[in-house]
Amino acid sequence: MMRKLISCTGALAVVGTFAVTVYGSNGDYVPDWTFKGSTLTGWHTVGAATWKATNGEIVGTPTSPDGGWLMLDKSFQDIQFSGQFQCTGGCKTGIMVRAEKTPAGMKGVYVSLTDGDVTSYTVTLDANG
């Protein structure tokens, strides 16, 4: 099972935000689904961040230094992800793919998109993110 997660974590200032816009296709790829909404129906949060959607843009604001995750409820077998990220206040951001539930929470591959730390990590999250 694969889930797409978006994180808003780390050293974000209280006024710092993170935004992602998910666009349609790349090249000849035709997506099964593209986020274009103004509601987060079909998503749920884990951890300490607030999330909102407006005109196809998702904005997350951490409510503690630990930040939080926005998880898409629907699973996909194979994904192609395209997005634009904007961070303010020295934030850390990324996406998690190949996530799966564990008895204590979940595990997956976190792809860091933080300036100076663009790499992948195997991570384990507890139930609180």
N, C-alpha and C. Protein backbone atom coordinates (compact mmCIF):
# COMPACT_ATOMS: atom_id res chain seq x y z
N MET A 1 0.85 -1.16 0.00
CA MET A 1 0.00 0.00 0.00
C MET A 1 0.90 1.23 0.00
N MET A 2 0.58 2.19 -0.82
CA MET A 2 1.36 3.41 -0.91
C MET A 2 0.46 4.59 -0.58
N ARG A 3 0.94 5.46 0.25
CA ARG A 3 0.21 6.67 0.58
C ARG A 3 1.13 7.85 0.34
N LYS A 4 0.55 8.95 -0.05
CA LYS A 4 1.32 10.16 -0.27
C LYS A 4 1.14 11.03 0.96
N LEU A 5 2.24 11.41 1.57
CA LEU A 5 2.21 12.24 2.76
C LEU A 5 2.98 13.51 2.48
N ILE A 6 2.53 14.57 3.05
CA ILE A 6 3.23 15.84 2.95
C ILE A 6 3.55 16.27 4.36
N SER A 7 4.77 16.69 4.60
CA SER A 7 5.14 17.07 5.96
C SER A 7 5.46 18.54 6.07
N CYS A 8 5.29 19.03 7.24
CA CYS A 8 5.65 20.39 7.60
C CYS A 8 6.30 20.27 8.97
N THR A 9 7.62 20.25 9.03
CA THR A 9 8.30 19.90 10.26
C THR A 9 9.43 20.85 10.58
N GLY A 10 10.00 20.66 11.77
CA GLY A 10 11.27 21.24 12.12
C GLY A 10 11.24 22.67 12.58
N ALA A 11 12.27 23.40 12.20
CA ALA A 11 12.54 24.72 12.75
C ALA A 11 11.74 25.81 12.06
N LEU A 12 10.46 25.64 11.99
CA LEU A 12 9.61 26.65 11.38
C LEU A 12 9.22 27.69 12.41
N ALA A 13 9.26 28.91 12.02
CA ALA A 13 8.75 29.97 12.90
C ALA A 13 7.23 29.84 12.96
N VAL A 14 6.64 30.38 14.00
CA VAL A 14 5.19 30.29 14.16
C VAL A 14 4.48 30.87 12.95
N VAL A 15 5.03 31.89 12.34
CA VAL A 15 4.40 32.49 11.17
C VAL A 15 4.84 31.83 9.87
N GLY A 16 5.75 30.88 9.95
CA GLY A 16 6.22 30.22 8.75
C GLY A 16 5.16 29.33 8.15
N THR A 17 5.15 29.21 6.83
CA THR A 17 4.19 28.34 6.17
C THR A 17 4.90 27.51 5.11
N PHE A 18 4.23 26.50 4.67
CA PHE A 18 4.71 25.61 3.64
C PHE A 18 3.57 25.47 2.66
N ALA A 19 3.84 25.55 1.39
CA ALA A 19 2.77 25.43 0.40
C ALA A 19 3.19 24.45 -0.68
N VAL A 20 2.24 23.68 -1.16
CA VAL A 20 2.49 22.77 -2.27
C VAL A 20 1.32 22.88 -3.23
N THR A 21 1.63 22.95 -4.49
CA THR A 21 0.62 22.93 -5.52
C THR A 21 0.89 21.70 -6.36
N VAL A 22 -0.09 20.83 -6.48
CA VAL A 22 0.06 19.62 -7.24
C VAL A 22 -0.53 19.86 -8.63
N TYR A 23 0.29 19.69 -9.64
CA TYR A 23 -0.14 19.95 -11.01
C TYR A 23 -0.44 18.66 -11.73
N GLY A 24 -1.02 18.77 -12.90
CA GLY A 24 -1.41 17.64 -13.73
C GLY A 24 -0.25 16.83 -14.24
N SER A 25 -0.20 16.64 -15.52
CA SER A 25 0.72 15.68 -16.10
C SER A 25 2.09 16.26 -16.41
N ASN A 26 3.06 15.37 -16.52
CA ASN A 26 4.41 15.68 -16.97
C ASN A 26 4.60 14.94 -18.28
N GLY A 27 4.95 15.62 -19.34
CA GLY A 27 5.15 14.97 -20.63
C GLY A 27 3.88 14.32 -21.12
N ASP A 28 3.94 13.03 -21.43
CA ASP A 28 2.77 12.34 -21.94
C ASP A 28 2.01 11.58 -20.85
N TYR A 29 2.42 11.73 -19.61
CA TYR A 29 1.74 11.07 -18.49
C TYR A 29 0.37 11.69 -18.27
N VAL A 30 -0.65 10.86 -18.16
CA VAL A 30 -2.01 11.33 -17.89
C VAL A 30 -2.39 10.86 -16.49
N PRO A 31 -2.57 11.79 -15.55
CA PRO A 31 -2.84 11.39 -14.16
C PRO A 31 -4.25 10.82 -13.99
N ASP A 32 -4.37 9.90 -13.03
CA ASP A 32 -5.67 9.40 -12.63
C ASP A 32 -6.38 10.42 -11.74
N TRP A 33 -5.60 11.23 -11.06
CA TRP A 33 -6.15 12.18 -10.09
C TRP A 33 -5.21 13.35 -9.93
N THR A 34 -5.77 14.55 -9.83
CA THR A 34 -5.00 15.77 -9.61
C THR A 34 -5.71 16.60 -8.56
N PHE A 35 -4.99 17.09 -7.57
CA PHE A 35 -5.61 17.94 -6.56
C PHE A 35 -5.81 19.34 -7.13
N LYS A 36 -7.06 19.81 -7.12
CA LYS A 36 -7.38 21.14 -7.61
C LYS A 36 -8.33 21.85 -6.64
N GLY A 37 -8.51 21.29 -5.47
CA GLY A 37 -9.58 21.72 -4.60
C GLY A 37 -9.30 22.86 -3.64
N SER A 38 -10.34 23.13 -2.88
CA SER A 38 -10.28 24.12 -1.81
C SER A 38 -10.77 23.50 -0.50
N THR A 39 -10.72 22.19 -0.45
CA THR A 39 -11.10 21.46 0.75
C THR A 39 -10.15 20.28 0.91
N LEU A 40 -9.98 19.84 2.14
CA LEU A 40 -9.10 18.71 2.40
C LEU A 40 -9.89 17.43 2.67
N THR A 41 -11.07 17.34 2.08
CA THR A 41 -11.84 16.11 2.14
C THR A 41 -11.03 15.01 1.47
N GLY A 42 -10.90 13.86 2.13
CA GLY A 42 -10.08 12.77 1.61
C GLY A 42 -8.66 12.79 2.11
N TRP A 43 -8.36 13.71 3.02
CA TRP A 43 -7.05 13.81 3.65
C TRP A 43 -7.25 13.79 5.16
N HIS A 44 -6.23 13.40 5.90
CA HIS A 44 -6.28 13.55 7.36
C HIS A 44 -4.89 13.97 7.86
N THR A 45 -4.88 14.54 9.04
CA THR A 45 -3.64 15.06 9.60
C THR A 45 -3.10 14.16 10.70
N VAL A 46 -1.81 14.20 10.85
CA VAL A 46 -1.11 13.51 11.92
C VAL A 46 -0.06 14.49 12.44
N GLY A 47 0.03 14.65 13.74
CA GLY A 47 1.04 15.54 14.29
C GLY A 47 0.53 16.94 14.53
N ALA A 48 1.48 17.85 14.74
CA ALA A 48 1.18 19.20 15.21
C ALA A 48 1.33 20.24 14.10
N ALA A 49 0.35 20.29 13.21
CA ALA A 49 0.31 21.32 12.17
C ALA A 49 -1.14 21.52 11.76
N THR A 50 -1.45 22.71 11.32
CA THR A 50 -2.77 22.98 10.76
C THR A 50 -2.62 23.05 9.25
N TRP A 51 -3.64 22.61 8.54
CA TRP A 51 -3.59 22.54 7.09
C TRP A 51 -4.84 23.16 6.51
N LYS A 52 -4.69 23.83 5.36
CA LYS A 52 -5.85 24.37 4.65
C LYS A 52 -5.58 24.27 3.15
N ALA A 53 -6.66 24.26 2.39
CA ALA A 53 -6.56 24.20 0.93
C ALA A 53 -7.36 25.35 0.34
N THR A 54 -6.76 26.03 -0.64
CA THR A 54 -7.42 27.12 -1.34
C THR A 54 -6.97 27.11 -2.79
N ASN A 55 -7.92 27.01 -3.71
CA ASN A 55 -7.63 27.08 -5.15
C ASN A 55 -6.50 26.15 -5.58
N GLY A 56 -6.51 24.92 -5.11
CA GLY A 56 -5.51 23.94 -5.50
C GLY A 56 -4.19 24.03 -4.78
N GLU A 57 -4.08 24.92 -3.81
CA GLU A 57 -2.85 25.07 -3.03
C GLU A 57 -3.10 24.58 -1.61
N ILE A 58 -2.17 23.79 -1.10
CA ILE A 58 -2.26 23.28 0.27
C ILE A 58 -1.21 24.00 1.10
N VAL A 59 -1.65 24.55 2.23
CA VAL A 59 -0.74 25.29 3.11
C VAL A 59 -0.77 24.65 4.49
N GLY A 60 0.42 24.33 5.01
CA GLY A 60 0.56 23.77 6.34
C GLY A 60 1.33 24.72 7.24
N THR A 61 0.86 24.86 8.47
CA THR A 61 1.53 25.71 9.45
C THR A 61 1.75 24.89 10.71
N PRO A 62 3.00 24.72 11.15
CA PRO A 62 3.25 23.92 12.35
C PRO A 62 2.71 24.61 13.60
N THR A 63 2.23 23.81 14.54
CA THR A 63 1.78 24.35 15.82
C THR A 63 2.75 23.99 16.94
N SER A 64 3.83 23.29 16.61
CA SER A 64 4.92 23.00 17.53
C SER A 64 6.17 22.78 16.67
N PRO A 65 7.35 22.78 17.27
CA PRO A 65 8.57 22.54 16.50
C PRO A 65 8.61 21.19 15.80
N ASP A 66 7.82 20.21 16.29
CA ASP A 66 7.80 18.89 15.67
C ASP A 66 7.05 18.88 14.34
N GLY A 67 6.15 19.82 14.13
CA GLY A 67 5.40 19.89 12.89
C GLY A 67 4.41 18.75 12.74
N GLY A 68 3.95 18.51 11.53
CA GLY A 68 2.95 17.48 11.30
C GLY A 68 2.89 17.04 9.86
N TRP A 69 1.97 16.12 9.59
CA TRP A 69 1.84 15.47 8.29
C TRP A 69 0.42 15.65 7.77
N LEU A 70 0.28 15.74 6.48
CA LEU A 70 -1.01 15.68 5.81
C LEU A 70 -1.01 14.42 4.98
N MET A 71 -1.94 13.52 5.26
CA MET A 71 -1.94 12.21 4.63
C MET A 71 -3.16 12.06 3.73
N LEU A 72 -2.91 11.65 2.50
CA LEU A 72 -3.98 11.35 1.57
C LEU A 72 -4.60 10.02 1.97
N ASP A 73 -5.93 9.97 2.10
CA ASP A 73 -6.61 8.76 2.54
C ASP A 73 -6.58 7.64 1.51
N LYS A 74 -6.49 7.98 0.25
CA LYS A 74 -6.53 7.00 -0.82
C LYS A 74 -5.13 6.44 -1.07
N SER A 75 -5.05 5.15 -1.31
CA SER A 75 -3.78 4.50 -1.64
C SER A 75 -3.62 4.41 -3.16
N PHE A 76 -2.38 4.43 -3.61
CA PHE A 76 -2.08 4.28 -5.02
C PHE A 76 -1.03 3.20 -5.18
N GLN A 77 -1.12 2.42 -6.25
CA GLN A 77 -0.13 1.39 -6.52
C GLN A 77 1.16 2.03 -7.04
N ASP A 78 1.03 2.88 -8.03
CA ASP A 78 2.17 3.57 -8.61
C ASP A 78 1.82 5.05 -8.66
N ILE A 79 2.80 5.92 -8.37
CA ILE A 79 2.51 7.35 -8.41
C ILE A 79 3.58 8.09 -9.20
N GLN A 80 3.16 9.19 -9.74
CA GLN A 80 4.08 10.19 -10.27
C GLN A 80 3.64 11.47 -9.60
N PHE A 81 4.54 12.12 -8.91
CA PHE A 81 4.21 13.31 -8.14
C PHE A 81 4.89 14.52 -8.74
N SER A 82 4.13 15.58 -8.88
CA SER A 82 4.69 16.83 -9.35
C SER A 82 4.15 17.92 -8.45
N GLY A 83 5.00 18.81 -8.02
CA GLY A 83 4.53 19.87 -7.14
C GLY A 83 5.53 21.00 -7.05
N GLN A 84 5.09 22.08 -6.49
CA GLN A 84 5.95 23.21 -6.19
C GLN A 84 5.87 23.45 -4.71
N PHE A 85 7.01 23.69 -4.07
CA PHE A 85 7.07 23.90 -2.64
C PHE A 85 7.62 25.29 -2.36
N GLN A 86 7.04 25.93 -1.39
CA GLN A 86 7.54 27.23 -0.96
C GLN A 86 7.61 27.21 0.55
N CYS A 87 8.79 27.46 1.09
CA CYS A 87 8.99 27.47 2.53
C CYS A 87 9.42 28.86 2.98
N THR A 88 8.97 29.25 4.15
CA THR A 88 9.42 30.49 4.75
C THR A 88 9.85 30.21 6.18
N GLY A 89 10.74 31.02 6.70
CA GLY A 89 11.15 30.89 8.09
C GLY A 89 12.06 29.72 8.37
N GLY A 90 12.86 29.28 7.39
CA GLY A 90 13.80 28.19 7.63
C GLY A 90 13.13 26.85 7.84
N CYS A 91 12.06 26.58 7.14
CA CYS A 91 11.31 25.35 7.37
C CYS A 91 11.99 24.13 6.76
N LYS A 92 11.49 22.99 7.15
CA LYS A 92 11.89 21.70 6.58
C LYS A 92 10.64 21.10 5.96
N THR A 93 10.78 20.56 4.76
CA THR A 93 9.62 19.99 4.08
C THR A 93 10.02 18.77 3.26
N GLY A 94 9.03 17.98 2.88
CA GLY A 94 9.26 16.81 2.05
C GLY A 94 7.99 16.03 1.87
N ILE A 95 8.11 14.89 1.22
CA ILE A 95 6.97 13.99 1.05
C ILE A 95 7.39 12.59 1.48
N MET A 96 6.40 11.78 1.85
CA MET A 96 6.68 10.40 2.19
C MET A 96 5.93 9.51 1.22
N VAL A 97 6.62 8.52 0.69
CA VAL A 97 6.02 7.54 -0.21
C VAL A 97 6.27 6.15 0.36
N ARG A 98 5.56 5.19 -0.19
CA ARG A 98 5.67 3.79 0.24
C ARG A 98 5.39 3.66 1.73
N ALA A 99 4.46 4.47 2.22
CA ALA A 99 4.10 4.42 3.64
C ALA A 99 3.20 3.23 3.90
N GLU A 100 3.39 2.61 5.04
CA GLU A 100 2.52 1.51 5.45
C GLU A 100 2.32 1.56 6.95
N LYS A 101 1.13 1.14 7.35
CA LYS A 101 0.80 1.13 8.77
C LYS A 101 1.61 0.06 9.49
N THR A 102 1.98 0.37 10.72
CA THR A 102 2.63 -0.58 11.61
C THR A 102 1.81 -0.62 12.89
N PRO A 103 2.04 -1.58 13.78
CA PRO A 103 1.29 -1.60 15.04
C PRO A 103 1.45 -0.32 15.86
N ALA A 104 2.61 0.35 15.73
CA ALA A 104 2.87 1.55 16.53
C ALA A 104 2.60 2.86 15.78
N GLY A 105 2.34 2.82 14.48
CA GLY A 105 2.14 4.04 13.70
C GLY A 105 2.27 3.75 12.22
N MET A 106 3.40 4.15 11.61
CA MET A 106 3.66 3.85 10.21
C MET A 106 5.14 3.99 9.90
N LYS A 107 5.52 3.43 8.77
CA LYS A 107 6.89 3.57 8.28
C LYS A 107 6.83 3.84 6.79
N GLY A 108 7.90 4.45 6.26
CA GLY A 108 7.94 4.74 4.84
C GLY A 108 9.25 5.38 4.45
N VAL A 109 9.30 5.88 3.24
CA VAL A 109 10.47 6.56 2.71
C VAL A 109 10.15 8.05 2.63
N TYR A 110 10.88 8.85 3.38
CA TYR A 110 10.71 10.30 3.41
C TYR A 110 11.71 10.92 2.46
N VAL A 111 11.22 11.70 1.52
CA VAL A 111 12.08 12.41 0.57
C VAL A 111 12.14 13.87 1.03
N SER A 112 13.28 14.24 1.56
CA SER A 112 13.46 15.60 2.06
C SER A 112 13.61 16.55 0.88
N LEU A 113 12.89 17.67 0.95
CA LEU A 113 12.98 18.72 -0.07
C LEU A 113 13.49 20.01 0.56
N THR A 114 14.16 19.88 1.69
CA THR A 114 14.71 21.02 2.41
C THR A 114 15.99 21.49 1.74
N ASP A 115 16.16 22.78 1.61
CA ASP A 115 17.37 23.34 1.01
C ASP A 115 18.61 22.79 1.72
N GLY A 116 19.51 22.20 0.97
CA GLY A 116 20.73 21.62 1.53
C GLY A 116 20.57 20.20 2.02
N ASP A 117 19.37 19.63 1.96
CA ASP A 117 19.12 18.27 2.44
C ASP A 117 18.12 17.58 1.51
N VAL A 118 18.44 17.50 0.23
CA VAL A 118 17.56 16.85 -0.72
C VAL A 118 18.03 15.40 -0.85
N THR A 119 17.44 14.54 -0.03
CA THR A 119 17.81 13.13 0.00
C THR A 119 16.64 12.33 0.54
N SER A 120 16.78 11.01 0.58
CA SER A 120 15.71 10.12 1.06
C SER A 120 16.13 9.45 2.36
N TYR A 121 15.15 9.21 3.22
CA TYR A 121 15.36 8.56 4.51
C TYR A 121 14.30 7.50 4.74
N THR A 122 14.66 6.41 5.37
CA THR A 122 13.68 5.46 5.87
C THR A 122 13.27 5.96 7.24
N VAL A 123 11.96 6.17 7.45
CA VAL A 123 11.50 6.72 8.71
C VAL A 123 10.40 5.86 9.31
N THR A 124 10.28 5.94 10.63
CA THR A 124 9.22 5.30 11.38
C THR A 124 8.54 6.37 12.23
N LEU A 125 7.23 6.44 12.13
CA LEU A 125 6.45 7.42 12.89
C LEU A 125 5.59 6.71 13.91
N ASP A 126 5.47 7.30 15.10
CA ASP A 126 4.51 6.75 16.05
C ASP A 126 3.13 7.27 15.69
N ALA A 127 2.12 6.91 16.45
CA ALA A 127 0.74 7.29 16.15
C ALA A 127 0.54 8.80 16.16
N ASN A 128 1.41 9.55 16.83
CA ASN A 128 1.30 11.00 16.90
C ASN A 128 2.10 11.71 15.80
N GLY A 129 2.72 10.96 14.93
CA GLY A 129 3.48 11.55 13.83
C GLY A 129 4.91 11.84 14.16
